[in-house]
């Protein structure tokens, strides 16, 4: 992992060149084809992962096999971060496209946390941000209608993945209505109904299989 890439990752921001070289020496890289599992629920928590290129989906699978998309990750994202508190993976990580992933073994992460204070502070900050997001999302999930959750998810995808164009913010992910339903914990039929409603209001449209969002109008819709 080149030094410039190492220090660009949130976990390693602010470390010295010597420390970056140490980090790089402890990491390896793996390639995954689209649809391949990077890890599965119940696997040992044996490594931390950094997405170098491609997209990764974090999935929650119920005992009945029901799938919920917890998050769609882009380049630079860190995942599998609960390895110090859990023995087994609570989620499944699947390559949404061809993906190149940096792997940091659990023992190496512990070594970095104990020897480089900047990495330790960054890791605590990262976990705190993730926890805050989970709490906010959980609150929204229990107290908002499905159309409001759908609007907020579309806005979040705009912020995380969106590309600004004259037509609006393009979300460059091939998202089906089933995917969106999994993201907000509802049915595909409900999402289809709400997307039709959003299109009629001029909040979203489709372009080359991608969703295009009129972000100002969708934000106003959420506020109202």
C-alpha atoms as a PDB file:
ATOM      1  CA  UNK A   1       0.000   0.000   0.000  1.00  0.00           C
ATOM      2  CA  UNK A   2       1.768   3.228  -1.161  1.00  0.00           C
ATOM      3  CA  UNK A   3       2.439   5.895   1.493  1.00  0.00           C
ATOM      4  CA  UNK A   4       0.110   8.416  -0.146  1.00  0.00           C
ATOM      5  CA  UNK A   5      -2.719   5.893  -0.020  1.00  0.00           C
ATOM      6  CA  UNK A   6      -1.922   4.928   3.568  1.00  0.00           C
ATOM      7  CA  UNK A   7      -2.067   8.473   4.922  1.00  0.00           C
ATOM      8  CA  UNK A   8      -5.209   9.303   2.928  1.00  0.00           C
ATOM      9  CA  UNK A   9      -7.162   6.665   4.867  1.00  0.00           C
ATOM     10  CA  UNK A  10      -8.997   8.089   7.883  1.00  0.00           C
ATOM     11  CA  UNK A  11      -7.424   5.613  10.307  1.00  0.00           C
ATOM     12  CA  UNK A  12      -3.887   6.677   9.371  1.00  0.00           C
ATOM     13  CA  UNK A  13      -4.269  10.410   8.867  1.00  0.00           C
ATOM     14  CA  UNK A  14      -1.577  12.431  10.631  1.00  0.00           C
ATOM     15  CA  UNK A  15       1.050   9.691  10.946  1.00  0.00           C
ATOM     16  CA  UNK A  16       4.672  10.210   9.922  1.00  0.00           C
ATOM     17  CA  UNK A  17       6.319   8.725   6.834  1.00  0.00           C
ATOM     18  CA  UNK A  18       8.186   6.204   8.976  1.00  0.00           C
ATOM     19  CA  UNK A  19       4.935   5.179  10.658  1.00  0.00           C
ATOM     20  CA  UNK A  20       3.236   4.943   7.261  1.00  0.00           C
ATOM     21  CA  UNK A  21       5.969   2.588   6.058  1.00  0.00           C
ATOM     22  CA  UNK A  22       5.407   0.431   9.137  1.00  0.00           C
ATOM     23  CA  UNK A  23       1.679   0.311   8.414  1.00  0.00           C
ATOM     24  CA  UNK A  24       2.304  -0.619   4.784  1.00  0.00           C
ATOM     25  CA  UNK A  25       4.644  -3.458   5.832  1.00  0.00           C
ATOM     26  CA  UNK A  26       1.884  -5.015   7.936  1.00  0.00           C
ATOM     27  CA  UNK A  27      -0.793  -4.911   5.238  1.00  0.00           C
ATOM     28  CA  UNK A  28      -1.603  -7.127   2.279  1.00  0.00           C
ATOM     29  CA  UNK A  29      -4.015  -6.785  -0.626  1.00  0.00           C
ATOM     30  CA  UNK A  30      -6.779  -9.028  -1.936  1.00  0.00           C
ATOM     31  CA  UNK A  31      -8.939  -8.821  -5.032  1.00  0.00           C
ATOM     32  CA  UNK A  32     -12.581  -9.901  -5.050  1.00  0.00           C
ATOM     33  CA  UNK A  33     -14.885 -10.427  -7.996  1.00  0.00           C
ATOM     34  CA  UNK A  34     -18.362  -8.911  -7.963  1.00  0.00           C
ATOM     35  CA  UNK A  35     -20.649 -10.868  -5.620  1.00  0.00           C
ATOM     36  CA  UNK A  36     -17.815 -12.541  -3.699  1.00  0.00           C
ATOM     37  CA  UNK A  37     -17.993 -12.591   0.101  1.00  0.00           C
ATOM     38  CA  UNK A  38     -15.105 -10.797   1.789  1.00  0.00           C
ATOM     39  CA  UNK A  39     -16.309 -12.198   5.088  1.00  0.00           C
ATOM     40  CA  UNK A  40     -19.565 -13.760   6.247  1.00  0.00           C
ATOM     41  CA  UNK A  41     -21.641 -13.589   9.397  1.00  0.00           C
ATOM     42  CA  UNK A  42     -20.138 -15.973  11.947  1.00  0.00           C
ATOM     43  CA  UNK A  43     -16.597 -15.845  10.512  1.00  0.00           C
ATOM     44  CA  UNK A  44     -13.759 -15.118  12.953  1.00  0.00           C
ATOM     45  CA  UNK A  45     -12.980 -11.413  13.450  1.00  0.00           C
ATOM     46  CA  UNK A  46      -9.378 -11.777  12.352  1.00  0.00           C
ATOM     47  CA  UNK A  47      -8.646  -8.647  10.272  1.00  0.00           C
ATOM     48  CA  UNK A  48      -9.536  -5.053   9.515  1.00  0.00           C
ATOM     49  CA  UNK A  49     -10.304  -4.136   5.894  1.00  0.00           C
ATOM     50  CA  UNK A  50      -9.774  -0.964   3.851  1.00  0.00           C
ATOM     51  CA  UNK A  51     -11.486  -0.605   0.480  1.00  0.00           C
ATOM     52  CA  UNK A  52      -8.947   0.618  -2.099  1.00  0.00           C
ATOM     53  CA  UNK A  53     -11.225   0.464  -5.145  1.00  0.00           C
ATOM     54  CA  UNK A  54     -14.718  -0.685  -6.028  1.00  0.00           C
ATOM     55  CA  UNK A  55     -17.831  -0.921  -3.862  1.00  0.00           C
ATOM     56  CA  UNK A  56     -18.617  -3.198  -0.901  1.00  0.00           C
ATOM     57  CA  UNK A  57     -22.004  -3.917   0.631  1.00  0.00           C
ATOM     58  CA  UNK A  58     -22.331  -4.610   4.344  1.00  0.00           C
ATOM     59  CA  UNK A  59     -25.293  -6.932   4.892  1.00  0.00           C
ATOM     60  CA  UNK A  60     -27.257  -8.023   7.933  1.00  0.00           C
ATOM     61  CA  UNK A  61     -28.734 -11.494   7.526  1.00  0.00           C
ATOM     62  CA  UNK A  62     -31.485 -12.736   9.826  1.00  0.00           C
ATOM     63  CA  UNK A  63     -31.823 -16.353  10.938  1.00  0.00           C
ATOM     64  CA  UNK A  64     -34.647 -16.654   8.387  1.00  0.00           C
ATOM     65  CA  UNK A  65     -32.369 -15.472   5.595  1.00  0.00           C
ATOM     66  CA  UNK A  66     -33.816 -11.978   5.301  1.00  0.00           C
ATOM     67  CA  UNK A  67     -31.199  -9.551   3.996  1.00  0.00           C
ATOM     68  CA  UNK A  68     -30.804  -5.904   4.976  1.00  0.00           C
ATOM     69  CA  UNK A  69     -28.194  -3.628   3.423  1.00  0.00           C
ATOM     70  CA  UNK A  70     -26.536  -1.838   6.327  1.00  0.00           C
ATOM     71  CA  UNK A  71     -24.198   0.241   4.213  1.00  0.00           C
ATOM     72  CA  UNK A  72     -22.718   0.626   0.741  1.00  0.00           C
ATOM     73  CA  UNK A  73     -19.023   1.458   1.038  1.00  0.00           C
ATOM     74  CA  UNK A  74     -16.828   3.354  -1.403  1.00  0.00           C
ATOM     75  CA  UNK A  75     -13.073   3.736  -1.886  1.00  0.00           C
ATOM     76  CA  UNK A  76     -11.209   4.578   1.341  1.00  0.00           C
ATOM     77  CA  UNK A  77     -13.837   3.066   3.638  1.00  0.00           C
ATOM     78  CA  UNK A  78     -12.772   0.977   6.630  1.00  0.00           C
ATOM     79  CA  UNK A  79     -14.865  -2.038   7.606  1.00  0.00           C
ATOM     80  CA  UNK A  80     -14.731  -5.001   9.946  1.00  0.00           C
ATOM     81  CA  UNK A  81     -13.810  -2.528  12.692  1.00  0.00           C
ATOM     82  CA  UNK A  82     -15.601  -4.433  15.477  1.00  0.00           C
ATOM     83  CA  UNK A  83     -12.844  -7.065  15.542  1.00  0.00           C
ATOM     84  CA  UNK A  84     -11.560  -5.971  18.962  1.00  0.00           C
ATOM     85  CA  UNK A  85     -14.941  -6.319  20.671  1.00  0.00           C
ATOM     86  CA  UNK A  86     -16.413  -9.349  18.884  1.00  0.00           C
ATOM     87  CA  UNK A  87     -15.045 -12.836  18.250  1.00  0.00           C
ATOM     88  CA  UNK A  88     -17.355 -13.541  15.312  1.00  0.00           C
ATOM     89  CA  UNK A  89     -18.533 -11.347  12.445  1.00  0.00           C
ATOM     90  CA  UNK A  90     -22.006  -9.910  13.029  1.00  0.00           C
ATOM     91  CA  UNK A  91     -22.407  -8.889   9.385  1.00  0.00           C
ATOM     92  CA  UNK A  92     -21.539 -10.085   5.900  1.00  0.00           C
ATOM     93  CA  UNK A  93     -19.379  -8.031   3.524  1.00  0.00           C
ATOM     94  CA  UNK A  94     -19.892  -8.633  -0.196  1.00  0.00           C
ATOM     95  CA  UNK A  95     -18.109  -7.043  -3.160  1.00  0.00           C
ATOM     96  CA  UNK A  96     -20.728  -4.963  -4.969  1.00  0.00           C
ATOM     97  CA  UNK A  97     -18.319  -4.595  -7.893  1.00  0.00           C
ATOM     98  CA  UNK A  98     -14.846  -5.901  -8.529  1.00  0.00           C
ATOM     99  CA  UNK A  99     -13.011  -4.749  -5.411  1.00  0.00           C
ATOM    100  CA  UNK A 100      -9.433  -4.324  -4.251  1.00  0.00           C
ATOM    101  CA  UNK A 101      -9.100  -4.514  -0.474  1.00  0.00           C
ATOM    102  CA  UNK A 102      -6.234  -3.848   1.931  1.00  0.00           C
ATOM    103  CA  UNK A 103      -6.122  -6.341   4.810  1.00  0.00           C
ATOM    104  CA  UNK A 104      -4.653  -5.557   8.234  1.00  0.00           C
ATOM    105  CA  UNK A 105      -4.526  -8.637  10.504  1.00  0.00           C
ATOM    106  CA  UNK A 106      -5.966  -8.279  13.998  1.00  0.00           C
ATOM    107  CA  UNK A 107      -2.600  -8.753  15.707  1.00  0.00           C
ATOM    108  CA  UNK A 108      -1.018  -6.087  13.509  1.00  0.00           C
ATOM    109  CA  UNK A 109      -3.830  -3.654  14.301  1.00  0.00           C
ATOM    110  CA  UNK A 110      -3.298  -4.214  18.030  1.00  0.00           C
ATOM    111  CA  UNK A 111       0.419  -3.552  17.539  1.00  0.00           C
ATOM    112  CA  UNK A 112      -0.287  -0.269  15.713  1.00  0.00           C
ATOM    113  CA  UNK A 113      -2.809   0.871  18.323  1.00  0.00           C
ATOM    114  CA  UNK A 114      -0.306   0.288  21.118  1.00  0.00           C
ATOM    115  CA  UNK A 115       2.716   1.791  19.352  1.00  0.00           C
ATOM    116  CA  UNK A 116       1.312   4.748  17.354  1.00  0.00           C
ATOM    117  CA  UNK A 117      -0.853   7.092  19.410  1.00  0.00           C
ATOM    118  CA  UNK A 118      -2.210   8.856  16.321  1.00  0.00           C
ATOM    119  CA  UNK A 119      -3.628   5.588  15.000  1.00  0.00           C
ATOM    120  CA  UNK A 120      -5.173   4.880  18.398  1.00  0.00           C
ATOM    121  CA  UNK A 121      -6.896   8.293  18.498  1.00  0.00           C
ATOM    122  CA  UNK A 122      -8.096   7.931  14.909  1.00  0.00           C
ATOM    123  CA  UNK A 123      -9.518   4.485  15.646  1.00  0.00           C
ATOM    124  CA  UNK A 124     -11.443   5.782  18.678  1.00  0.00           C
ATOM    125  CA  UNK A 125     -12.765   8.694  16.594  1.00  0.00           C
ATOM    126  CA  UNK A 126     -13.800   6.322  13.813  1.00  0.00           C
ATOM    127  CA  UNK A 127     -15.695   4.045  16.192  1.00  0.00           C
ATOM    128  CA  UNK A 128     -17.372   7.016  17.878  1.00  0.00           C
ATOM    129  CA  UNK A 129     -18.601   8.363  14.536  1.00  0.00           C
ATOM    130  CA  UNK A 130     -19.931   4.937  13.549  1.00  0.00           C
ATOM    131  CA  UNK A 131     -21.750   4.604  16.891  1.00  0.00           C
ATOM    132  CA  UNK A 132     -23.297   8.048  16.568  1.00  0.00           C
ATOM    133  CA  UNK A 133     -24.528   7.212  13.077  1.00  0.00           C
ATOM    134  CA  UNK A 134     -26.064   3.933  14.247  1.00  0.00           C
ATOM    135  CA  UNK A 135     -27.928   5.723  17.052  1.00  0.00           C
ATOM    136  CA  UNK A 136     -29.280   8.397  14.695  1.00  0.00           C
ATOM    137  CA  UNK A 137     -30.331   5.823  12.098  1.00  0.00           C
ATOM    138  CA  UNK A 138     -31.994   3.680  14.759  1.00  0.00           C
ATOM    139  CA  UNK A 139     -33.959   6.673  16.015  1.00  0.00           C
ATOM    140  CA  UNK A 140     -35.087   7.563  12.504  1.00  0.00           C
ATOM    141  CA  UNK A 141     -36.042   3.975  11.769  1.00  0.00           C
ATOM    142  CA  UNK A 142     -38.477   3.786  14.652  1.00  0.00           C
ATOM    143  CA  UNK A 143     -40.073   7.213  14.319  1.00  0.00           C
ATOM    144  CA  UNK A 144     -40.413   8.047  10.624  1.00  0.00           C
ATOM    145  CA  UNK A 145     -42.560   6.795   7.758  1.00  0.00           C
ATOM    146  CA  UNK A 146     -41.005   4.687   5.027  1.00  0.00           C
ATOM    147  CA  UNK A 147     -41.140   7.539   2.481  1.00  0.00           C
ATOM    148  CA  UNK A 148     -39.178   9.748   4.891  1.00  0.00           C
ATOM    149  CA  UNK A 149     -36.568   7.026   5.480  1.00  0.00           C
ATOM    150  CA  UNK A 150     -36.291   6.503   1.718  1.00  0.00           C
ATOM    151  CA  UNK A 151     -35.726  10.214   1.137  1.00  0.00           C
ATOM    152  CA  UNK A 152     -33.038  10.330   3.838  1.00  0.00           C
ATOM    153  CA  UNK A 153     -31.280   7.266   2.414  1.00  0.00           C
ATOM    154  CA  UNK A 154     -31.251   8.824  -1.056  1.00  0.00           C
ATOM    155  CA  UNK A 155     -29.768  12.025   0.405  1.00  0.00           C
ATOM    156  CA  UNK A 156     -27.134  10.013   2.266  1.00  0.00           C
ATOM    157  CA  UNK A 157     -26.219   8.164  -0.932  1.00  0.00           C
ATOM    158  CA  UNK A 158     -25.927  11.537  -2.675  1.00  0.00           C
ATOM    159  CA  UNK A 159     -23.477  12.720  -0.018  1.00  0.00           C
ATOM    160  CA  UNK A 160     -21.435   9.516   0.001  1.00  0.00           C
ATOM    161  CA  UNK A 161     -21.445   8.533  -3.675  1.00  0.00           C
ATOM    162  CA  UNK A 162     -23.149  11.282  -5.660  1.00  0.00           C
ATOM    163  CA  UNK A 163     -21.751  13.076  -8.686  1.00  0.00           C
ATOM    164  CA  UNK A 164     -23.081  16.505  -9.530  1.00  0.00           C
ATOM    165  CA  UNK A 165     -24.413  16.942 -13.092  1.00  0.00           C
ATOM    166  CA  UNK A 166     -26.630  19.527 -14.821  1.00  0.00           C
ATOM    167  CA  UNK A 167     -29.531  17.083 -14.407  1.00  0.00           C
ATOM    168  CA  UNK A 168     -29.010  16.721 -10.645  1.00  0.00           C
ATOM    169  CA  UNK A 169     -26.979  14.505  -8.322  1.00  0.00           C
ATOM    170  CA  UNK A 170     -26.358  11.134  -9.968  1.00  0.00           C
ATOM    171  CA  UNK A 171     -25.957   8.174  -7.603  1.00  0.00           C
ATOM    172  CA  UNK A 172     -23.594   5.931  -9.624  1.00  0.00           C
ATOM    173  CA  UNK A 173     -24.822   2.688  -8.066  1.00  0.00           C
ATOM    174  CA  UNK A 174     -27.041   0.167  -9.813  1.00  0.00           C
ATOM    175  CA  UNK A 175     -29.699   0.155  -7.117  1.00  0.00           C
ATOM    176  CA  UNK A 176     -32.871  -1.858  -7.535  1.00  0.00           C
ATOM    177  CA  UNK A 177     -36.038  -1.165  -5.599  1.00  0.00           C
ATOM    178  CA  UNK A 178     -35.226  -4.330  -3.652  1.00  0.00           C
ATOM    179  CA  UNK A 179     -31.858  -2.808  -2.674  1.00  0.00           C
ATOM    180  CA  UNK A 180     -33.526   0.378  -1.483  1.00  0.00           C
ATOM    181  CA  UNK A 181     -36.100  -1.652   0.432  1.00  0.00           C
ATOM    182  CA  UNK A 182     -33.284  -3.518   2.186  1.00  0.00           C
ATOM    183  CA  UNK A 183     -31.636  -0.224   3.103  1.00  0.00           C
ATOM    184  CA  UNK A 184     -34.714   1.126   4.878  1.00  0.00           C
ATOM    185  CA  UNK A 185     -36.293  -2.073   6.172  1.00  0.00           C
ATOM    186  CA  UNK A 186     -39.455  -2.193   4.084  1.00  0.00           C
ATOM    187  CA  UNK A 187     -40.852  -4.057   1.070  1.00  0.00           C
ATOM    188  CA  UNK A 188     -39.957  -3.655  -2.591  1.00  0.00           C
ATOM    189  CA  UNK A 189     -43.583  -2.803  -3.358  1.00  0.00           C
ATOM    190  CA  UNK A 190     -43.499   0.061  -0.848  1.00  0.00           C
ATOM    191  CA  UNK A 191     -40.322   1.478  -2.384  1.00  0.00           C
ATOM    192  CA  UNK A 192     -41.805   1.216  -5.887  1.00  0.00           C
ATOM    193  CA  UNK A 193     -44.869   3.150  -4.762  1.00  0.00           C
ATOM    194  CA  UNK A 194     -42.767   5.822  -3.071  1.00  0.00           C
ATOM    195  CA  UNK A 195     -40.349   6.179  -6.004  1.00  0.00           C
ATOM    196  CA  UNK A 196     -43.308   6.732  -8.333  1.00  0.00           C
ATOM    197  CA  UNK A 197     -44.493   9.418  -5.925  1.00  0.00           C
ATOM    198  CA  UNK A 198     -41.024  10.992  -5.832  1.00  0.00           C
ATOM    199  CA  UNK A 199     -40.788  11.014  -9.639  1.00  0.00           C
ATOM    200  CA  UNK A 200     -44.188  12.695  -9.967  1.00  0.00           C
ATOM    201  CA  UNK A 201     -43.022  15.385  -7.541  1.00  0.00           C
ATOM    202  CA  UNK A 202     -39.832  15.898  -9.566  1.00  0.00           C
ATOM    203  CA  UNK A 203     -37.605  14.748  -6.713  1.00  0.00           C
ATOM    204  CA  UNK A 204     -35.907  11.866  -8.555  1.00  0.00           C
ATOM    205  CA  UNK A 205     -35.618  10.344 -12.005  1.00  0.00           C
ATOM    206  CA  UNK A 206     -33.751   7.534 -13.739  1.00  0.00           C
ATOM    207  CA  UNK A 207     -30.868   8.071 -16.132  1.00  0.00           C
ATOM    208  CA  UNK A 208     -28.946   5.162 -17.665  1.00  0.00           C
ATOM    209  CA  UNK A 209     -30.131   2.860 -14.846  1.00  0.00           C
ATOM    210  CA  UNK A 210     -28.892   5.304 -12.207  1.00  0.00           C
ATOM    211  CA  UNK A 211     -30.990   7.400  -9.848  1.00  0.00           C
ATOM    212  CA  UNK A 212     -30.738  11.169 -10.329  1.00  0.00           C
ATOM    213  CA  UNK A 213     -31.787  13.254  -7.333  1.00  0.00           C
ATOM    214  CA  UNK A 214     -32.972  16.847  -7.230  1.00  0.00           C
ATOM    215  CA  UNK A 215     -31.198  17.324  -3.910  1.00  0.00           C
ATOM    216  CA  UNK A 216     -32.543  20.782  -2.922  1.00  0.00           C
ATOM    217  CA  UNK A 217     -36.123  19.685  -3.530  1.00  0.00           C
ATOM    218  CA  UNK A 218     -35.663  16.360  -1.760  1.00  0.00           C
ATOM    219  CA  UNK A 219     -34.102  18.130   1.231  1.00  0.00           C
ATOM    220  CA  UNK A 220     -37.072  20.478   1.333  1.00  0.00           C
ATOM    221  CA  UNK A 221     -39.400  17.475   1.156  1.00  0.00           C
ATOM    222  CA  UNK A 222     -37.687  15.930   4.206  1.00  0.00           C
ATOM    223  CA  UNK A 223     -37.878  19.192   6.167  1.00  0.00           C
ATOM    224  CA  UNK A 224     -41.571  19.574   5.409  1.00  0.00           C
END
